[in-house]
Amino acid sequence: MKRLYFVLPDTESARRTADDLLLARIEDRHMHFLARRGTDLGKLHEASYLQKSDMKHSVFYGLVLGAASGLLLGSWMVLSPPEGIRLELVTLLATSLGGAVMGAWAASLVGASVPNVHLRRFAAAVDGGKVLLMVDVPRDRIDEIRELLARRHPEANSGGLEPTMPAFP
């Protein structure tokens, strides 16, 4: 699956676009709409918290940096243990796992309050009252969906294509 971005002028245009995508057999769960805070999207599927925030991106980096920090701490502990204590190599595993968990947790706190890095380029349009459509489509239907929106909704500005879409929701 690939994620296509389209900027629509208003919620009415977003509703018509969603209807056309449903007729093109794109399921509702693959369409995500983002509008300025306080905008009534009606029955449109609003982007989830994870799609709006930078949580996933931050947790990934926190996990990696935390595991690396834990590995460094574990290495230091094994190479220079306290007097009278013998530490095994399992200490490296334990400190790496502990560091990964703590890093992911700390980074999630930060990521929850930061907008999604992929959506920063659309922030001005959304703040200006436009509606962002994120639609996940199979690779073989990308051109078909782009042509459909260009033909039926010339007011929709293409915002590009996200390089990869995770296999899980």
Protein backbone atom coordinates (compact mmCIF):
# COMPACT_ATOMS: atom_id res chain seq x y z
CA MET A 1 0.00 0.00 0.00
CA LYS A 2 1.06 3.53 -0.74
CA ARG A 3 -0.35 6.69 0.77
CA LEU A 4 -1.49 9.46 -1.57
CA TYR A 5 -2.05 13.00 -0.29
CA PHE A 6 -4.59 15.46 -1.71
CA VAL A 7 -5.46 18.95 -0.48
CA LEU A 8 -9.16 19.77 -0.89
CA PRO A 9 -10.68 23.25 -0.61
CA ASP A 10 -13.47 22.44 1.88
CA THR A 11 -15.46 19.70 3.62
CA GLU A 12 -18.10 19.54 0.88
CA SER A 13 -15.44 18.76 -1.70
CA ALA A 14 -13.98 16.21 0.73
CA ARG A 15 -17.38 14.49 1.04
CA ARG A 16 -17.80 14.29 -2.75
CA THR A 17 -14.25 12.96 -3.11
CA ALA A 18 -14.88 10.31 -0.45
CA ASP A 19 -18.05 9.23 -2.27
CA ASP A 20 -16.16 8.85 -5.54
CA LEU A 21 -13.41 6.87 -3.83
CA LEU A 22 -16.01 4.58 -2.26
CA LEU A 23 -17.51 4.02 -5.73
CA ALA A 24 -13.99 3.19 -6.94
CA ARG A 25 -13.89 0.48 -4.23
CA ILE A 26 -11.50 2.23 -1.87
CA GLU A 27 -12.71 1.31 1.60
CA ASP A 28 -13.55 4.01 4.13
CA ARG A 29 -10.87 2.71 6.50
CA HIS A 30 -8.23 3.59 3.88
CA MET A 31 -9.32 7.26 3.72
CA HIS A 32 -8.19 9.67 6.41
CA PHE A 33 -9.16 13.34 6.53
CA LEU A 34 -7.40 16.09 8.45
CA ALA A 35 -8.89 19.55 8.88
CA ARG A 36 -8.35 22.58 11.09
CA ARG A 37 -9.29 22.04 14.73
CA GLY A 38 -13.01 22.60 15.22
CA THR A 39 -14.00 21.73 11.65
CA ASP A 40 -16.98 19.37 11.48
CA LEU A 41 -16.03 16.50 9.18
CA GLY A 42 -19.39 14.80 9.59
CA LYS A 43 -19.19 11.14 8.58
CA LEU A 44 -15.74 11.46 7.04
CA HIS A 45 -13.10 9.26 8.63
CA GLU A 46 -10.89 11.64 10.63
CA ALA A 47 -7.15 10.96 10.80
CA SER A 48 -6.23 9.07 13.96
CA TYR A 49 -4.07 10.39 16.77
CA LEU A 50 -1.13 8.29 15.54
CA GLN A 51 -1.51 9.77 12.05
CA LYS A 52 -1.65 13.34 13.37
CA SER A 53 1.19 13.10 15.88
CA ASP A 54 4.80 12.06 15.48
CA MET A 55 4.38 9.19 17.94
CA LYS A 56 5.53 6.30 15.69
CA HIS A 57 8.55 8.20 14.39
CA SER A 58 9.61 9.26 17.89
CA VAL A 59 9.10 5.83 19.44
CA PHE A 60 11.29 4.24 16.78
CA TYR A 61 14.15 6.65 17.44
CA GLY A 62 13.68 6.36 21.20
CA LEU A 63 13.80 2.58 20.94
CA VAL A 64 17.04 2.61 18.93
CA LEU A 65 18.78 5.29 21.01
CA GLY A 66 17.60 3.72 24.27
CA ALA A 67 18.88 0.29 23.26
CA ALA A 68 22.24 1.77 22.25
CA SER A 69 22.48 3.66 25.54
CA GLY A 70 21.57 0.52 27.47
CA LEU A 71 24.21 -1.43 25.58
CA LEU A 72 26.84 1.18 26.48
CA LEU A 73 25.78 1.11 30.13
CA GLY A 74 25.82 -2.69 30.16
CA SER A 75 29.28 -2.76 28.57
CA TRP A 76 30.59 -0.37 31.19
CA MET A 77 29.03 -2.47 33.97
CA VAL A 78 30.52 -5.74 32.64
CA LEU A 79 33.98 -4.24 32.04
CA SER A 80 34.17 -2.48 35.42
CA PRO A 81 31.82 -4.25 37.83
CA PRO A 82 31.35 -3.06 41.42
CA GLU A 83 33.64 -4.64 44.02
CA GLY A 84 32.62 -8.19 44.86
CA ILE A 85 29.96 -8.54 42.13
CA ARG A 86 30.43 -10.71 39.06
CA LEU A 87 28.31 -9.65 36.08
CA GLU A 88 27.64 -11.97 33.15
CA LEU A 89 27.01 -11.07 29.51
CA VAL A 90 23.27 -11.31 30.15
CA THR A 91 23.74 -7.88 31.74
CA LEU A 92 24.19 -6.48 28.22
CA LEU A 93 20.87 -7.93 27.15
CA ALA A 94 19.06 -6.69 30.25
CA THR A 95 20.43 -3.16 30.04
CA SER A 96 19.77 -2.98 26.28
CA LEU A 97 16.15 -4.08 26.74
CA GLY A 98 15.68 -1.73 29.68
CA GLY A 99 17.20 1.14 27.72
CA ALA A 100 15.00 0.39 24.71
CA VAL A 101 11.85 0.40 26.84
CA MET A 102 12.81 3.59 28.66
CA GLY A 103 13.87 5.29 25.42
CA ALA A 104 10.64 4.37 23.65
CA TRP A 105 8.56 5.57 26.61
CA ALA A 106 10.41 8.89 26.93
CA ALA A 107 10.29 9.50 23.18
CA SER A 108 6.57 8.71 23.06
CA LEU A 109 5.94 11.53 25.53
CA VAL A 110 7.69 13.94 23.19
CA GLY A 111 6.18 12.49 20.01
CA ALA A 112 2.66 12.80 21.35
CA SER A 113 2.93 16.58 21.37
CA VAL A 114 4.70 17.03 18.02
CA PRO A 115 2.87 17.07 14.65
CA ASN A 116 3.62 14.25 12.21
CA VAL A 117 6.78 14.99 10.21
CA HIS A 118 5.09 13.83 6.98
CA LEU A 119 2.27 16.35 7.43
CA ARG A 120 4.36 19.47 8.10
CA ARG A 121 4.28 20.47 4.45
CA PHE A 122 0.46 20.58 4.60
CA ALA A 123 0.21 22.57 7.86
CA ALA A 124 -0.31 25.96 6.19
CA ALA A 125 -3.08 24.62 3.94
CA VAL A 126 -4.90 22.89 6.81
CA ASP A 127 -4.56 25.95 9.05
CA GLY A 128 -5.97 28.01 6.17
CA GLY A 129 -9.20 25.97 6.19
CA LYS A 130 -8.42 23.33 3.58
CA VAL A 131 -8.91 19.59 4.14
CA LEU A 132 -6.11 17.07 3.72
CA LEU A 133 -7.04 13.65 2.34
CA MET A 134 -4.68 10.75 2.97
CA VAL A 135 -5.74 7.68 1.01
CA ASP A 136 -3.99 4.32 1.14
CA VAL A 137 -4.15 2.48 -2.17
CA PRO A 138 -2.52 -0.65 -3.61
CA ARG A 139 0.53 0.06 -5.76
CA ASP A 140 -1.20 -1.09 -8.94
CA ARG A 141 -4.07 1.40 -8.47
CA ILE A 142 -2.06 4.57 -7.82
CA ASP A 143 -2.36 5.93 -11.37
CA GLU A 144 -6.05 4.98 -11.55
CA ILE A 145 -6.89 6.89 -8.36
CA ARG A 146 -4.82 9.91 -9.38
CA GLU A 147 -6.60 10.02 -12.75
CA LEU A 148 -10.01 9.64 -11.09
CA LEU A 149 -9.38 12.58 -8.79
CA ALA A 150 -7.89 14.70 -11.58
CA ARG A 151 -10.95 14.02 -13.76
CA ARG A 152 -13.72 14.24 -11.17
CA HIS A 153 -12.15 16.71 -8.71
CA PRO A 154 -9.90 19.23 -10.44
CA GLU A 155 -10.02 21.33 -7.27
CA ALA A 156 -8.01 18.64 -5.45
CA ASN A 157 -4.31 19.43 -5.41
CA SER A 158 -2.06 16.39 -5.36
CA GLY A 159 0.28 16.48 -2.39
CA GLY A 160 2.45 13.61 -3.49
CA LEU A 161 3.04 10.06 -2.46
CA GLU A 162 4.44 8.67 0.77
CA PRO A 163 7.24 6.25 -0.08
CA THR A 164 6.16 3.37 2.13
CA MET A 165 3.12 2.40 4.12
CA PRO A 166 3.47 -0.09 7.00
CA ALA A 167 1.66 -3.40 6.68
CA PHE A 168 -0.13 -2.86 9.99
CA PRO A 169 -2.69 -0.10 10.67
